[in-house]
Protein backbone atom coordinates (compact mmCIF):
# COMPACT_ATOMS: atom_id res chain seq x y z
CA MET A 1 80.18 102.89 85.06
CA LYS A 2 78.17 106.00 85.93
CA ILE A 3 79.99 109.00 87.40
CA GLU A 4 77.91 112.02 88.33
CA LEU A 5 79.37 115.31 89.57
CA LYS A 6 77.34 117.11 92.26
CA GLU A 7 77.78 120.09 94.54
CA ILE A 8 77.28 119.38 98.25
CA THR A 9 77.36 122.16 100.83
CA VAL A 10 79.31 121.81 104.05
CA LYS A 11 76.00 122.18 105.89
CA LYS A 12 74.54 119.13 104.14
CA LEU A 13 77.77 117.17 104.54
CA THR A 14 78.06 117.73 108.28
CA GLU A 15 74.46 116.89 109.15
CA GLY A 16 74.36 113.84 111.39
CA PHE A 17 78.14 113.72 111.81
CA ALA A 18 79.13 111.09 114.37
CA ASP A 19 82.56 109.67 115.17
CA ASN A 20 82.19 106.30 116.87
CA ALA A 21 85.91 105.47 116.79
CA GLU A 22 86.43 101.93 115.50
CA GLN A 23 82.70 101.51 114.99
CA GLY A 24 82.95 103.97 112.11
CA VAL A 25 82.43 107.63 111.23
CA VAL A 26 79.30 108.87 109.41
CA ALA A 27 77.89 112.15 108.08
CA TYR A 28 75.46 113.47 105.42
CA GLY A 29 72.42 112.58 107.49
CA GLY A 30 73.96 109.27 108.49
CA LYS A 31 74.05 108.09 104.86
CA LEU A 32 77.79 108.65 104.25
CA ASP A 33 80.42 106.30 105.62
CA ILE A 34 83.48 108.50 106.02
CA ARG A 35 85.38 105.70 107.69
CA PRO A 36 83.60 102.35 107.76
CA PRO A 37 83.78 100.17 110.88
CA TYR A 38 87.24 98.73 111.59
CA GLN A 39 88.91 100.52 108.68
CA ARG A 40 92.32 101.91 109.61
CA GLU A 41 92.21 105.44 110.92
CA PHE A 42 94.12 108.09 108.98
CA ILE A 43 95.43 111.04 110.94
CA TYR A 44 96.07 114.38 109.30
CA LYS A 45 98.83 116.51 110.79
CA ASP A 46 97.48 119.70 112.32
CA LYS A 47 99.04 121.79 109.57
CA GLN A 48 97.30 119.81 106.83
CA ARG A 49 94.01 119.77 108.71
CA ASP A 50 94.13 123.53 109.31
CA ALA A 51 94.97 124.14 105.64
CA VAL A 52 91.69 122.50 104.61
CA ILE A 53 89.68 124.84 106.84
CA ASP A 54 91.71 127.83 105.68
CA SER A 55 90.90 126.96 102.06
CA VAL A 56 87.20 126.73 102.86
CA ARG A 57 87.20 130.09 104.69
CA LYS A 58 89.00 131.76 101.78
CA GLU A 59 86.66 130.14 99.22
CA PHE A 60 89.58 128.38 97.61
CA PRO A 61 88.53 125.23 95.72
CA LEU A 62 89.34 121.87 97.29
CA ASN A 63 90.17 118.93 95.08
CA VAL A 64 87.19 116.94 93.89
CA MET A 65 86.19 114.00 96.10
CA TYR A 66 84.70 110.61 95.24
CA TRP A 67 81.84 108.73 96.88
CA ALA A 68 80.77 105.19 96.06
CA VAL A 69 77.03 104.67 95.66
CA ARG A 70 75.98 101.51 97.50
CA GLU A 71 73.10 99.23 96.65
CA GLY A 72 70.98 100.48 99.55
CA GLY A 73 71.28 104.09 98.45
CA ASP A 74 73.89 105.22 100.96
CA TYR A 75 77.50 106.20 100.22
CA GLU A 76 81.12 105.62 101.16
CA VAL A 77 84.03 108.05 100.81
CA ILE A 78 86.58 106.55 98.43
CA ASP A 79 88.82 109.57 97.96
CA GLY A 80 88.85 112.64 100.21
CA GLN A 81 88.52 111.04 103.60
CA GLN A 82 90.87 113.43 105.38
CA ARG A 83 89.35 116.57 103.88
CA THR A 84 85.89 115.34 104.83
CA LEU A 85 86.94 114.51 108.38
CA SER A 86 88.70 117.86 108.83
CA ILE A 87 85.61 119.80 107.78
CA CYS A 88 83.19 117.73 109.87
CA GLN A 89 85.38 117.80 112.96
CA TYR A 90 85.87 121.57 112.76
CA VAL A 91 82.16 122.30 112.39
CA ASN A 92 81.52 119.83 115.21
CA GLY A 93 83.85 121.82 117.49
CA ASP A 94 86.48 119.10 117.84
CA PHE A 95 89.41 121.47 117.29
CA SER A 96 90.23 125.16 116.95
CA ILE A 97 92.53 127.19 114.72
CA ASN A 98 94.47 130.08 116.24
CA GLY A 99 92.28 129.78 119.31
CA LEU A 100 89.01 129.97 117.36
CA ALA A 101 86.68 127.00 117.20
CA PHE A 102 83.66 126.99 114.87
CA HIS A 103 81.32 128.17 117.63
CA ASN A 104 83.63 131.15 118.31
CA LEU A 105 83.13 132.54 114.80
CA GLN A 106 80.67 135.29 113.94
CA ASP A 107 77.36 134.21 112.43
CA ASP A 108 78.31 135.40 108.95
CA GLN A 109 81.62 133.51 109.18
CA GLN A 110 79.81 130.34 110.22
CA GLN A 111 77.32 130.72 107.36
CA GLN A 112 80.14 131.23 104.87
CA ILE A 113 81.64 127.88 105.89
CA LEU A 114 78.29 126.06 105.92
CA ASN A 115 77.41 127.40 102.46
CA TYR A 116 80.76 126.40 100.95
CA LYS A 117 80.21 123.96 98.10
CA LEU A 118 82.21 120.75 97.74
CA MET A 119 82.58 119.01 94.39
CA ILE A 120 81.70 115.33 94.73
CA TYR A 121 81.75 112.58 92.11
CA PHE A 122 79.06 109.97 92.83
CA CYS A 123 80.28 106.66 91.36
CA SER A 124 77.98 103.76 90.61
CA GLY A 125 78.29 100.71 88.39
CA THR A 126 79.16 97.04 88.47
CA ASP A 127 81.53 95.78 91.14
CA SER A 128 84.40 95.31 88.70
CA GLU A 129 83.86 98.77 87.16
CA LYS A 130 83.91 100.47 90.56
CA LEU A 131 86.98 98.54 91.69
CA ASP A 132 88.94 99.52 88.56
CA TRP A 133 87.88 103.14 88.93
CA PHE A 134 88.68 103.33 92.63
CA ARG A 135 92.13 101.90 92.00
CA THR A 136 92.71 104.53 89.34
CA ILE A 137 91.79 107.48 91.57
CA ASN A 138 93.60 105.96 94.53
CA ILE A 139 97.03 106.05 92.87
CA ALA A 140 97.90 109.59 93.86
CA GLY A 141 96.57 109.71 97.41
CA GLU A 142 97.32 106.12 98.41
CA GLU A 143 94.70 106.43 101.12
CA HIS A 144 93.30 102.94 100.69
CA THR A 145 94.85 99.51 100.38
CA ASP A 146 93.54 97.09 97.75
CA GLN A 147 91.52 95.27 100.40
CA GLU A 148 89.94 98.48 101.66
CA LEU A 149 88.82 99.21 98.11
CA ARG A 150 87.38 95.71 97.81
CA ASN A 151 85.54 96.22 101.11
CA ALA A 152 83.91 99.32 99.63
CA VAL A 153 82.90 97.59 96.40
CA TYR A 154 81.57 94.44 98.05
CA ALA A 155 80.00 96.15 101.08
CA GLY A 156 77.26 94.11 102.67
CA PRO A 157 76.49 91.86 105.64
CA TRP A 158 79.26 89.39 104.79
CA THR A 159 81.99 92.03 104.64
CA ALA A 160 80.76 93.68 107.84
CA ASP A 161 80.85 90.35 109.69
CA ALA A 162 84.26 89.41 108.25
CA LYS A 163 85.69 92.68 109.59
CA ARG A 164 84.49 91.71 113.05
CA TYR A 165 86.82 88.72 112.99
CA PHE A 166 89.75 90.07 111.00
CA SER A 167 89.84 93.87 110.93
CA LYS A 168 89.72 95.27 114.44
CA THR A 169 92.62 96.04 116.74
CA GLY A 170 92.84 93.02 119.03
CA CYS A 171 90.35 91.06 116.89
CA ALA A 172 89.90 87.30 117.16
CA ALA A 173 92.21 86.59 114.22
CA TYR A 174 94.97 88.68 115.80
CA GLY A 175 94.64 86.86 119.11
CA LEU A 176 94.80 83.49 117.38
CA ALA A 177 97.42 84.05 114.69
CA SER A 178 99.52 87.18 115.25
CA ASP A 179 102.62 84.98 115.60
CA TYR A 180 102.00 83.53 112.15
CA LEU A 181 100.78 86.47 110.03
CA ARG A 182 102.49 89.66 108.94
CA GLY A 183 100.70 92.97 108.65
CA SER A 184 97.99 94.67 110.65
CA PRO A 185 94.31 93.80 111.08
CA ILE A 186 93.22 97.44 110.89
CA ARG A 187 94.98 97.81 107.53
CA GLN A 188 92.85 94.87 106.31
CA GLU A 189 95.89 92.64 105.76
CA TYR A 190 94.58 89.83 107.96
CA LEU A 191 91.28 89.80 106.09
CA GLU A 192 93.03 89.89 102.72
CA THR A 193 95.26 86.98 103.71
CA ALA A 194 92.38 84.84 104.97
CA ILE A 195 90.30 85.38 101.83
CA SER A 196 93.29 84.73 99.57
CA TRP A 197 93.98 81.44 101.32
CA ARG A 198 90.35 80.34 101.19
CA SER A 199 89.81 81.38 97.57
CA GLY A 200 93.12 80.25 96.10
CA GLY A 201 94.03 83.87 95.41
CA LYS A 202 90.70 84.77 93.76
CA ILE A 203 89.78 87.38 96.36
CA GLU A 204 87.35 89.48 94.36
CA GLU A 205 85.54 86.45 92.96
CA TYR A 206 85.10 85.10 96.49
CA MET A 207 83.87 88.41 97.92
CA SER A 208 81.43 88.87 95.06
CA LYS A 209 80.01 85.39 95.60
CA HIS A 210 79.51 85.87 99.34
CA GLN A 211 78.70 89.61 99.42
CA HIS A 212 75.10 89.07 100.53
CA ASP A 213 75.69 86.14 102.88
CA GLU A 214 74.38 86.82 106.36
CA ASN A 215 77.75 86.20 108.00
CA ALA A 216 81.38 85.23 107.41
CA THR A 217 81.41 82.32 109.86
CA PRO A 218 82.67 79.77 107.25
CA LEU A 219 85.72 81.96 106.52
CA TRP A 220 86.47 82.28 110.22
CA GLN A 221 86.08 78.53 110.75
CA TYR A 222 88.43 77.85 107.82
CA PHE A 223 91.01 80.26 109.24
CA GLN A 224 90.86 78.53 112.62
CA LYS A 225 91.45 75.16 110.94
CA VAL A 226 94.51 76.53 109.11
CA ILE A 227 96.13 77.86 112.27
CA GLY A 228 95.20 74.74 114.22
CA TRP A 229 96.86 72.58 111.56
CA VAL A 230 100.00 74.74 111.66
CA LYS A 231 100.29 74.43 115.43
CA ALA A 232 99.76 70.66 115.32
CA THR A 233 102.14 70.05 112.41
CA PHE A 234 104.90 72.41 113.58
CA PRO A 235 104.53 72.54 117.39
CA GLU A 236 108.01 74.05 117.91
CA TYR A 237 107.48 77.75 117.22
CA ARG A 238 110.22 79.84 115.61
CA ARG A 239 110.08 83.46 114.53
CA GLU A 240 110.71 82.35 110.94
CA MET A 241 107.16 80.96 110.92
CA LYS A 242 105.71 84.47 110.82
CA GLY A 243 104.58 85.32 107.28
CA VAL A 244 104.71 81.83 105.77
CA ASP A 245 101.86 81.25 103.31
CA TRP A 246 100.20 78.81 105.68
CA GLY A 247 96.83 78.65 103.98
CA VAL A 248 98.40 77.47 100.72
CA LEU A 249 100.26 74.71 102.58
CA TYR A 250 97.12 73.73 104.49
CA ASN A 251 95.11 73.48 101.28
CA HIS A 252 97.66 71.09 99.76
CA PHE A 253 98.82 69.04 102.75
CA LYS A 254 96.03 69.05 105.35
CA ASP A 255 95.13 65.41 104.57
CA LYS A 256 98.72 64.16 104.40
CA GLU A 257 99.93 62.18 107.40
CA VAL A 258 103.26 63.49 108.68
CA ASP A 259 105.66 62.48 111.44
CA THR A 260 105.98 65.72 113.40
CA ASP A 261 109.11 64.50 115.23
CA LYS A 262 110.90 63.77 111.95
CA LEU A 263 109.77 67.11 110.53
CA GLU A 264 111.16 68.93 113.55
CA LYS A 265 114.53 67.20 113.25
CA ARG A 266 114.76 68.17 109.57
CA ILE A 267 113.75 71.73 110.34
CA ALA A 268 116.32 72.06 113.15
CA LYS A 269 119.08 70.75 110.87
CA LEU A 270 118.14 73.10 108.04
CA MET A 271 117.98 76.08 110.41
CA MET A 272 121.68 75.46 111.18
CA ASP A 273 122.66 75.11 107.50
CA ASP A 274 124.51 78.24 106.38
CA ASP A 275 123.67 77.48 102.76
CA VAL A 276 119.95 78.03 103.46
CA GLU A 277 119.47 81.78 103.11
CA ARG A 278 115.67 81.91 103.38
CA LYS A 279 114.91 80.18 106.65
CA SER A 280 111.16 80.77 106.37
CA GLY A 281 111.23 78.63 103.23
CA ILE A 282 112.15 75.59 105.30
CA TYR A 283 108.51 75.00 106.23
CA PRO A 284 107.15 74.60 102.69
CA TYR A 285 110.35 72.76 101.69
CA VAL A 286 109.95 69.95 104.24
CA LEU A 287 106.47 69.36 102.83
CA ASP A 288 106.99 69.62 99.06
CA GLY A 289 110.78 69.25 98.60
CA ASP A 290 111.13 72.26 96.31
CA GLU A 291 114.59 73.76 96.93
CA ARG A 292 113.52 77.09 95.43
CA HIS A 293 111.83 77.90 98.75
CA LEU A 294 115.25 77.95 100.44
CA ASN A 295 117.23 80.35 98.26
CA ILE A 296 120.34 78.16 98.53
CA ARG A 297 123.51 80.24 98.82
CA ALA A 298 125.23 80.73 95.47
CA PHE A 299 128.90 80.08 94.77
CA SER A 300 131.00 83.22 95.06
CA ALA A 301 132.90 84.75 92.14
CA ASN A 302 136.16 83.53 93.66
CA MET A 303 134.84 79.97 93.97
CA LYS A 304 133.76 80.02 90.33
CA ARG A 305 137.13 81.36 89.19
CA GLU A 306 139.00 78.73 91.21
CA ALA A 307 136.95 75.88 89.71
CA TYR A 308 137.28 77.33 86.20
CA GLU A 309 141.07 77.51 86.45
CA ARG A 310 141.24 74.03 87.97
CA GLN A 311 139.25 72.68 85.01
CA LYS A 312 141.22 74.85 82.52
CA GLY A 313 137.89 76.07 81.18
CA ILE A 314 136.70 72.58 80.21
CA CYS A 315 133.04 71.69 80.91
CA VAL A 316 133.02 68.46 82.93
CA LYS A 317 130.01 67.21 80.97
CA CYS A 318 130.58 67.90 77.28
CA LYS A 319 134.40 68.28 77.61
CA LYS A 320 134.42 71.42 75.49
CA LYS A 321 136.27 74.60 76.39
CA PHE A 322 134.40 77.82 77.22
CA GLN A 323 135.03 81.30 78.53
CA LEU A 324 134.18 81.88 82.19
CA ASP A 325 131.09 83.95 81.37
CA GLU A 326 129.79 81.09 79.22
CA MET A 327 129.72 78.72 82.19
CA GLU A 328 127.74 78.29 85.42
CA ALA A 329 128.66 76.91 88.83
CA ASP A 330 127.24 73.58 89.98
CA HIS A 331 127.42 71.46 93.13
CA ILE A 332 129.55 68.33 92.57
CA LYS A 333 127.69 66.64 95.40
CA PRO A 334 124.10 67.94 95.31
CA TRP A 335 123.08 70.17 98.19
CA HIS A 336 120.13 67.95 99.13
CA LEU A 337 122.55 65.02 99.55
CA GLY A 338 124.73 66.98 101.92
CA GLY A 339 126.94 68.84 99.48
CA LYS A 340 128.14 72.25 100.63
CA THR A 341 128.39 75.52 98.75
CA ASP A 342 132.16 75.79 98.99
CA ALA A 343 135.16 75.81 96.64
CA LYS A 344 135.84 72.08 97.01
CA ASN A 345 132.30 71.20 95.93
CA CYS A 346 132.18 73.60 92.98
CA GLN A 347 132.41 72.57 89.35
CA MET A 348 131.83 74.59 86.19
CA LEU A 349 129.46 73.45 83.47
CA CYS A 350 128.57 75.12 80.20
CA LYS A 351 125.22 76.83 80.44
CA ASP A 352 123.42 74.27 78.29
CA ASP A 353 124.65 71.29 80.33
CA ASN A 354 123.99 72.98 83.66
CA ARG A 355 120.43 73.87 82.69
CA ARG A 356 119.76 70.39 81.35
CA LYS A 357 121.00 68.98 84.63
CA SER A 358 118.81 71.26 86.72
CA GLY A 359 115.80 70.84 84.44
CA LYS A 360 115.56 74.53 83.56
């Protein structure tokens, strides 16, 4: 990892400044991405924005900023986006302070601002080195999500095209799947989800492999298949479907034939079951049968005490006597066979017997 500290004047920084909204914001002769296309837009409060300009005018030092050096020789702001935007927008005449815009200042005042020197760390190295470093410097400011940092490290034609599908307000992925995904496209959460599904959670490995691909069409086609499978397999939409890890289920069950009518009947019954506390877990449960998805309601302290007293502290399996805190509650009739989480269906087992029974 190579980190080089340089002084950059405000004049050099603001050359070629252009704010193209969601198409991105550039400066430094067009070579610096202040906000890459489709990255979420941060908004400084006026007080914070004005404080940056006040510091510059008083020659107070601003905190050091970090730029990533890209393969093509251009740069991206990793830390210091708001300070950079505030300076560029003020010099560009986008706002005034106390009624004075940049063009209202005297020549010597303008020159003082333009000659102000910013301290910039230029960071270059391998993808993994840059990602680790960016995460380290990002801790305090929290300006970037993990996926935004990955986008900076693996910048290239593939990432740019992937953002077109997944990272714009009202993008294609949002139109197709907003009922099924949590998060926001512009915060890169849709893109992160899609890559995670496609790569089995190996997001950085996948982005590194495809960084120089001409487009992200295969990822988009995969995403469409996932959502199409969800709609075909679970045609009755419920709000609990939003945020389910659909790509993981698609990867495992896309080739399995299912009776959608039977699935719907099971889902409807489980939705009405008070013992099922995590309703969103019903969808993976009806496919793989793992009760852990459902967060089955636990027996209350009163239920446990009642069963313990009824049994006089004797474990129903090993027939030995234990203290209450040495025992665990268990369904007499298993939940999956229709047993309820109530006092009548509660029995106390010693911890060893209960865990042997449950396979823990």
